[in-house]
Amino acid sequence: MSIRSLSTCPQFAAKSSSASEIGTSPSCAVLNFSRSRNSSIRLCMGSGNGGFGQNPNGVGDRDGVIIVDHGSRRTESNLMLNEFVSMFKERTGYPIVEPAHMELAEPSIHVAFNSCVLQGANRVIVSPFFLLPGRHWNQDIPSLTAEAAKEHPGVSYLVTAPLGLHPLLPYCWRCRGVLCLCWNKQMPAPLIHASVQQTVRRN
């Protein structure tokens, strides 16, 4: 598994660890994240060719995107991922976007990967719906993705970094905080909406 730069978000510096350092298969590199103000590299993991020649400027028509969360035994929680994927697809205009759950619920990464390929994807971008890096990101999700990709030797794949310290996350938190405070004051819905909108405009 190779490691390639996807974008220029300055939140993390990362390095790959050899198999002897981490005690895992050499085909799966693990990234050790550390905070760095001077870093300009945002890393991901993926198959050998990575498919970067297809569209160096971003996601293309032949790219499939899988948004994957942990998965839950609660149906309501799993349905929220479907709602986010619908919103993501509408906002981005990406033609192939599929939800997946790492475990406990369907669709699995394997099912979502197959669905992307059936829709014409020749590169699949797997994006963990996680805040911080950990075992699920650097081991479980890449392993499940690699297993799914075995059935499609002509299709490359990438596993993106988690949300991490993305600069927009403080604004998301602030909106959530304002919403909670307004609700606690029992403000009517229009005033709550206006307060949140004002928070967004200020940032």
C-alpha atoms as a PDB file:
ATOM      1  CA  MET A   1       0.000   0.000   0.000  1.00  0.00           C
ATOM      2  CA  SER A   2       1.421   3.342  -1.001  1.00  0.00           C
ATOM      3  CA  ILE A   3       0.982   6.719   0.656  1.00  0.00           C
ATOM      4  CA  ARG A   4       0.223   9.774  -1.428  1.00  0.00           C
ATOM      5  CA  SER A   5      -0.618  13.412  -0.890  1.00  0.00           C
ATOM      6  CA  LEU A   6      -4.218  14.383  -1.622  1.00  0.00           C
ATOM      7  CA  SER A   7      -4.445  18.004  -0.577  1.00  0.00           C
ATOM      8  CA  THR A   8      -2.700  20.799   1.268  1.00  0.00           C
ATOM      9  CA  CYS A   9      -4.493  20.983   4.601  1.00  0.00           C
ATOM     10  CA  PRO A  10      -1.843  21.964   7.183  1.00  0.00           C
ATOM     11  CA  GLN A  11      -3.199  20.094  10.194  1.00  0.00           C
ATOM     12  CA  PHE A  12      -1.137  16.927  10.276  1.00  0.00           C
ATOM     13  CA  ALA A  13       2.298  15.666   9.464  1.00  0.00           C
ATOM     14  CA  ALA A  14       2.544  11.918   9.054  1.00  0.00           C
ATOM     15  CA  LYS A  15       5.075   9.222   8.368  1.00  0.00           C
ATOM     16  CA  SER A  16       4.745   5.621   7.320  1.00  0.00           C
ATOM     17  CA  SER A  17       5.957   2.846   9.590  1.00  0.00           C
ATOM     18  CA  SER A  18       7.723  -0.239   8.326  1.00  0.00           C
ATOM     19  CA  ALA A  19       6.291  -3.684   8.958  1.00  0.00           C
ATOM     20  CA  SER A  20       9.013  -4.405  11.500  1.00  0.00           C
ATOM     21  CA  GLU A  21       8.053  -1.288  13.475  1.00  0.00           C
ATOM     22  CA  ILE A  22       4.354  -2.045  13.642  1.00  0.00           C
ATOM     23  CA  GLY A  23       4.270  -5.808  13.323  1.00  0.00           C
ATOM     24  CA  THR A  24       1.858  -5.873  10.398  1.00  0.00           C
ATOM     25  CA  SER A  25       1.944  -6.879   6.769  1.00  0.00           C
ATOM     26  CA  PRO A  26       4.314  -4.766   4.634  1.00  0.00           C
ATOM     27  CA  SER A  27       1.478  -4.295   2.145  1.00  0.00           C
ATOM     28  CA  CYS A  28      -0.309  -2.012   4.595  1.00  0.00           C
ATOM     29  CA  ALA A  29       1.540   1.112   5.682  1.00  0.00           C
ATOM     30  CA  VAL A  30       0.365   2.773   8.878  1.00  0.00           C
ATOM     31  CA  LEU A  31       0.559   6.499   9.383  1.00  0.00           C
ATOM     32  CA  ASN A  32       1.690   8.006  12.655  1.00  0.00           C
ATOM     33  CA  PHE A  33       0.007  11.388  12.962  1.00  0.00           C
ATOM     34  CA  SER A  34       1.483  14.340  14.803  1.00  0.00           C
ATOM     35  CA  ARG A  35       0.455  17.985  14.906  1.00  0.00           C
ATOM     36  CA  SER A  36       2.646  20.276  12.816  1.00  0.00           C
ATOM     37  CA  ARG A  37       2.076  23.926  12.057  1.00  0.00           C
ATOM     38  CA  ASN A  38       4.638  23.857   9.265  1.00  0.00           C
ATOM     39  CA  SER A  39       3.377  20.791   7.467  1.00  0.00           C
ATOM     40  CA  SER A  40       1.572  21.238   4.155  1.00  0.00           C
ATOM     41  CA  ILE A  41       0.836  17.563   3.526  1.00  0.00           C
ATOM     42  CA  ARG A  42      -2.421  15.733   3.957  1.00  0.00           C
ATOM     43  CA  LEU A  43      -1.937  12.004   3.526  1.00  0.00           C
ATOM     44  CA  CYS A  44      -4.050   9.062   2.528  1.00  0.00           C
ATOM     45  CA  MET A  45      -3.554   5.374   1.891  1.00  0.00           C
ATOM     46  CA  GLY A  46      -4.367   3.477  -1.246  1.00  0.00           C
ATOM     47  CA  SER A  47      -3.608   0.823  -3.805  1.00  0.00           C
ATOM     48  CA  GLY A  48      -0.337   0.870  -5.671  1.00  0.00           C
ATOM     49  CA  ASN A  49      -1.191   3.101  -8.634  1.00  0.00           C
ATOM     50  CA  GLY A  50      -3.607   5.284  -6.678  1.00  0.00           C
ATOM     51  CA  GLY A  51      -5.299   6.364  -9.902  1.00  0.00           C
ATOM     52  CA  PHE A  52      -4.020   9.927  -9.654  1.00  0.00           C
ATOM     53  CA  GLY A  53      -3.598  10.248 -13.397  1.00  0.00           C
ATOM     54  CA  GLN A  54      -7.350  10.151 -13.966  1.00  0.00           C
ATOM     55  CA  ASN A  55      -8.161  13.599 -12.684  1.00  0.00           C
ATOM     56  CA  PRO A  56      -5.343  15.453 -10.915  1.00  0.00           C
ATOM     57  CA  ASN A  57      -7.698  18.330 -10.096  1.00  0.00           C
ATOM     58  CA  GLY A  58     -10.171  16.365  -8.022  1.00  0.00           C
ATOM     59  CA  VAL A  59     -12.931  13.776  -8.121  1.00  0.00           C
ATOM     60  CA  GLY A  60     -13.973  12.828 -11.643  1.00  0.00           C
ATOM     61  CA  ASP A  61     -16.966  11.171 -13.290  1.00  0.00           C
ATOM     62  CA  ARG A  62     -15.351   7.733 -13.065  1.00  0.00           C
ATOM     63  CA  ASP A  63     -14.559   8.085  -9.369  1.00  0.00           C
ATOM     64  CA  GLY A  64     -16.718   6.411  -6.765  1.00  0.00           C
ATOM     65  CA  VAL A  65     -16.889   7.797  -3.238  1.00  0.00           C
ATOM     66  CA  ILE A  66     -17.693   5.646  -0.211  1.00  0.00           C
ATOM     67  CA  ILE A  67     -18.534   7.393   3.055  1.00  0.00           C
ATOM     68  CA  VAL A  68     -17.945   4.813   5.776  1.00  0.00           C
ATOM     69  CA  ASP A  69     -18.818   5.017   9.456  1.00  0.00           C
ATOM     70  CA  HIS A  70     -18.420   2.467  12.231  1.00  0.00           C
ATOM     71  CA  GLY A  71     -21.912   1.047  11.996  1.00  0.00           C
ATOM     72  CA  SER A  72     -24.436   0.603  14.764  1.00  0.00           C
ATOM     73  CA  ARG A  73     -27.055  -1.833  15.991  1.00  0.00           C
ATOM     74  CA  ARG A  74     -29.438   1.134  16.098  1.00  0.00           C
ATOM     75  CA  THR A  75     -31.258   1.531  12.801  1.00  0.00           C
ATOM     76  CA  GLU A  76     -31.728   5.256  13.427  1.00  0.00           C
ATOM     77  CA  SER A  77     -27.971   5.816  13.625  1.00  0.00           C
ATOM     78  CA  ASN A  78     -27.330   3.959  10.387  1.00  0.00           C
ATOM     79  CA  LEU A  79     -30.062   5.899   8.597  1.00  0.00           C
ATOM     80  CA  MET A  80     -28.346   9.158   9.535  1.00  0.00           C
ATOM     81  CA  LEU A  81     -25.379   8.123   7.395  1.00  0.00           C
ATOM     82  CA  ASN A  82     -27.748   7.677   4.453  1.00  0.00           C
ATOM     83  CA  GLU A  83     -29.031  11.201   5.022  1.00  0.00           C
ATOM     84  CA  PHE A  84     -25.493  12.587   5.118  1.00  0.00           C
ATOM     85  CA  VAL A  85     -24.541  10.744   1.928  1.00  0.00           C
ATOM     86  CA  SER A  86     -27.608  12.169   0.148  1.00  0.00           C
ATOM     87  CA  MET A  87     -26.672  15.660   1.324  1.00  0.00           C
ATOM     88  CA  PHE A  88     -23.024  15.138   0.341  1.00  0.00           C
ATOM     89  CA  LYS A  89     -23.979  13.945  -3.138  1.00  0.00           C
ATOM     90  CA  GLU A  90     -26.339  16.869  -3.662  1.00  0.00           C
ATOM     91  CA  ARG A  91     -23.830  19.479  -2.471  1.00  0.00           C
ATOM     92  CA  THR A  92     -20.810  18.089  -4.354  1.00  0.00           C
ATOM     93  CA  GLY A  93     -22.485  16.888  -7.530  1.00  0.00           C
ATOM     94  CA  TYR A  94     -20.386  13.710  -7.467  1.00  0.00           C
ATOM     95  CA  PRO A  95     -22.241  11.075  -9.509  1.00  0.00           C
ATOM     96  CA  ILE A  96     -21.203   7.959  -7.561  1.00  0.00           C
ATOM     97  CA  VAL A  97     -21.489   8.173  -3.776  1.00  0.00           C
ATOM     98  CA  GLU A  98     -22.322   5.220  -1.542  1.00  0.00           C
ATOM     99  CA  PRO A  99     -22.739   4.750   2.229  1.00  0.00           C
ATOM    100  CA  ALA A 100     -21.013   1.899   4.065  1.00  0.00           C
ATOM    101  CA  HIS A 101     -20.666   0.632   7.602  1.00  0.00           C
ATOM    102  CA  MET A 102     -17.421  -0.893   8.815  1.00  0.00           C
ATOM    103  CA  GLU A 103     -19.305  -3.463  10.873  1.00  0.00           C
ATOM    104  CA  LEU A 104     -22.625  -4.316  12.540  1.00  0.00           C
ATOM    105  CA  ALA A 105     -24.813  -3.188   9.633  1.00  0.00           C
ATOM    106  CA  GLU A 106     -25.254  -3.252   5.880  1.00  0.00           C
ATOM    107  CA  PRO A 107     -24.199  -2.076   3.382  1.00  0.00           C
ATOM    108  CA  SER A 108     -20.645  -3.178   4.092  1.00  0.00           C
ATOM    109  CA  ILE A 109     -17.548  -1.698   2.455  1.00  0.00           C
ATOM    110  CA  HIS A 110     -17.528  -4.746   0.171  1.00  0.00           C
ATOM    111  CA  VAL A 111     -21.109  -4.112  -0.975  1.00  0.00           C
ATOM    112  CA  ALA A 112     -20.510  -0.373  -1.441  1.00  0.00           C
ATOM    113  CA  PHE A 113     -17.300  -1.004  -3.414  1.00  0.00           C
ATOM    114  CA  ASN A 114     -19.120  -3.388  -5.753  1.00  0.00           C
ATOM    115  CA  SER A 115     -21.905  -0.837  -6.194  1.00  0.00           C
ATOM    116  CA  CYS A 116     -19.418   1.871  -7.189  1.00  0.00           C
ATOM    117  CA  VAL A 117     -17.833  -0.405  -9.788  1.00  0.00           C
ATOM    118  CA  LEU A 118     -21.231  -1.416 -11.192  1.00  0.00           C
ATOM    119  CA  GLN A 119     -21.979   2.289 -11.679  1.00  0.00           C
ATOM    120  CA  GLY A 120     -18.806   2.695 -13.730  1.00  0.00           C
ATOM    121  CA  ALA A 121     -16.158   3.719 -11.205  1.00  0.00           C
ATOM    122  CA  ASN A 122     -12.571   2.799 -12.006  1.00  0.00           C
ATOM    123  CA  ARG A 123     -11.231   4.453  -8.858  1.00  0.00           C
ATOM    124  CA  VAL A 124     -12.880   4.290  -5.441  1.00  0.00           C
ATOM    125  CA  ILE A 125     -12.239   6.894  -2.753  1.00  0.00           C
ATOM    126  CA  VAL A 126     -13.114   5.601   0.701  1.00  0.00           C
ATOM    127  CA  SER A 127     -13.661   8.409   3.193  1.00  0.00           C
ATOM    128  CA  PRO A 128     -13.976   7.452   6.871  1.00  0.00           C
ATOM    129  CA  PHE A 129     -16.715   9.397   8.644  1.00  0.00           C
ATOM    130  CA  PHE A 130     -14.489   9.603  11.721  1.00  0.00           C
ATOM    131  CA  LEU A 131     -13.047  12.535  13.649  1.00  0.00           C
ATOM    132  CA  LEU A 132      -9.628  11.190  14.639  1.00  0.00           C
ATOM    133  CA  PRO A 133      -7.150   8.600  13.345  1.00  0.00           C
ATOM    134  CA  GLY A 134      -7.011   5.248  15.090  1.00  0.00           C
ATOM    135  CA  ARG A 135      -7.050   1.527  14.464  1.00  0.00           C
ATOM    136  CA  HIS A 136     -10.262   1.599  12.438  1.00  0.00           C
ATOM    137  CA  TRP A 137      -8.724   4.144  10.064  1.00  0.00           C
ATOM    138  CA  ASN A 138      -5.193   2.799   9.736  1.00  0.00           C
ATOM    139  CA  GLN A 139      -5.945  -0.930   9.858  1.00  0.00           C
ATOM    140  CA  ASP A 140      -9.559  -2.066   9.687  1.00  0.00           C
ATOM    141  CA  ILE A 141     -10.935   0.129   6.906  1.00  0.00           C
ATOM    142  CA  PRO A 142      -7.875  -0.240   4.609  1.00  0.00           C
ATOM    143  CA  SER A 143      -7.947  -4.011   5.149  1.00  0.00           C
ATOM    144  CA  LEU A 144     -11.661  -4.284   4.339  1.00  0.00           C
ATOM    145  CA  THR A 145     -11.204  -2.042   1.292  1.00  0.00           C
ATOM    146  CA  ALA A 146      -8.267  -4.092   0.009  1.00  0.00           C
ATOM    147  CA  GLU A 147     -10.328  -7.256   0.386  1.00  0.00           C
ATOM    148  CA  ALA A 148     -13.207  -5.722  -1.583  1.00  0.00           C
ATOM    149  CA  ALA A 149     -10.831  -4.499  -4.293  1.00  0.00           C
ATOM    150  CA  LYS A 150      -9.497  -8.013  -4.957  1.00  0.00           C
ATOM    151  CA  GLU A 151     -12.583  -8.733  -7.050  1.00  0.00           C
ATOM    152  CA  HIS A 152     -11.846  -5.722  -9.267  1.00  0.00           C
ATOM    153  CA  PRO A 153      -8.156  -5.816 -10.290  1.00  0.00           C
ATOM    154  CA  GLY A 154      -8.534  -2.905 -12.713  1.00  0.00           C
ATOM    155  CA  VAL A 155      -9.950  -0.563 -10.078  1.00  0.00           C
ATOM    156  CA  SER A 156      -7.670   1.488  -7.835  1.00  0.00           C
ATOM    157  CA  TYR A 157      -8.674   2.834  -4.460  1.00  0.00           C
ATOM    158  CA  LEU A 158      -7.750   5.386  -1.815  1.00  0.00           C
ATOM    159  CA  VAL A 159      -8.578   5.682   1.871  1.00  0.00           C
ATOM    160  CA  THR A 160      -8.631   9.333   2.898  1.00  0.00           C
ATOM    161  CA  ALA A 161      -7.600  10.757   6.248  1.00  0.00           C
ATOM    162  CA  PRO A 162     -10.330  11.272   8.868  1.00  0.00           C
ATOM    163  CA  LEU A 163     -11.755  14.731   9.525  1.00  0.00           C
ATOM    164  CA  GLY A 164      -9.098  15.401  12.161  1.00  0.00           C
ATOM    165  CA  LEU A 165      -8.274  19.049  12.813  1.00  0.00           C
ATOM    166  CA  HIS A 166      -9.920  20.418   9.689  1.00  0.00           C
ATOM    167  CA  PRO A 167     -10.184  24.226   9.985  1.00  0.00           C
ATOM    168  CA  LEU A 168     -13.958  24.211   9.404  1.00  0.00           C
ATOM    169  CA  LEU A 169     -14.709  21.935  12.358  1.00  0.00           C
ATOM    170  CA  PRO A 170     -14.647  24.757  14.953  1.00  0.00           C
ATOM    171  CA  TYR A 171     -17.413  26.475  12.976  1.00  0.00           C
ATOM    172  CA  CYS A 172     -19.449  23.260  12.954  1.00  0.00           C
ATOM    173  CA  TRP A 173     -19.043  22.974  16.708  1.00  0.00           C
ATOM    174  CA  ARG A 174     -20.007  26.616  17.201  1.00  0.00           C
ATOM    175  CA  CYS A 175     -23.204  26.120  15.215  1.00  0.00           C
ATOM    176  CA  ARG A 176     -24.043  23.070  17.304  1.00  0.00           C
ATOM    177  CA  GLY A 177     -23.294  25.014  20.486  1.00  0.00           C
ATOM    178  CA  VAL A 178     -25.485  27.950  19.473  1.00  0.00           C
ATOM    179  CA  LEU A 179     -28.298  25.581  18.524  1.00  0.00           C
ATOM    180  CA  CYS A 180     -28.109  23.882  21.916  1.00  0.00           C
ATOM    181  CA  LEU A 181     -28.062  27.180  23.822  1.00  0.00           C
ATOM    182  CA  CYS A 182     -31.002  28.544  21.840  1.00  0.00           C
ATOM    183  CA  TRP A 183     -32.955  25.356  22.402  1.00  0.00           C
ATOM    184  CA  ASN A 184     -32.189  25.532  26.104  1.00  0.00           C
ATOM    185  CA  LYS A 185     -33.650  29.049  26.164  1.00  0.00           C
ATOM    186  CA  GLN A 186     -36.761  27.633  24.466  1.00  0.00           C
ATOM    187  CA  MET A 187     -36.439  30.060  21.589  1.00  0.00           C
ATOM    188  CA  PRO A 188     -38.887  29.540  18.700  1.00  0.00           C
ATOM    189  CA  ALA A 189     -37.512  27.694  15.684  1.00  0.00           C
ATOM    190  CA  PRO A 190     -37.186  30.813  13.424  1.00  0.00           C
ATOM    191  CA  LEU A 191     -35.053  32.569  16.045  1.00  0.00           C
ATOM    192  CA  ILE A 192     -32.904  29.474  16.519  1.00  0.00           C
ATOM    193  CA  HIS A 193     -32.366  29.312  12.760  1.00  0.00           C
ATOM    194  CA  ALA A 194     -31.491  33.017  12.614  1.00  0.00           C
ATOM    195  CA  SER A 195     -29.000  32.665  15.476  1.00  0.00           C
ATOM    196  CA  VAL A 196     -27.226  29.771  13.795  1.00  0.00           C
ATOM    197  CA  GLN A 197     -27.160  31.595  10.450  1.00  0.00           C
ATOM    198  CA  GLN A 198     -25.658  34.647  12.156  1.00  0.00           C
ATOM    199  CA  THR A 199     -22.955  32.433  13.669  1.00  0.00           C
ATOM    200  CA  VAL A 200     -22.087  31.029  10.239  1.00  0.00           C
ATOM    201  CA  ARG A 201     -21.897  34.499   8.674  1.00  0.00           C
ATOM    202  CA  ARG A 202     -19.549  35.737  11.411  1.00  0.00           C
ATOM    203  CA  ASN A 203     -17.134  32.943  10.574  1.00  0.00           C
END
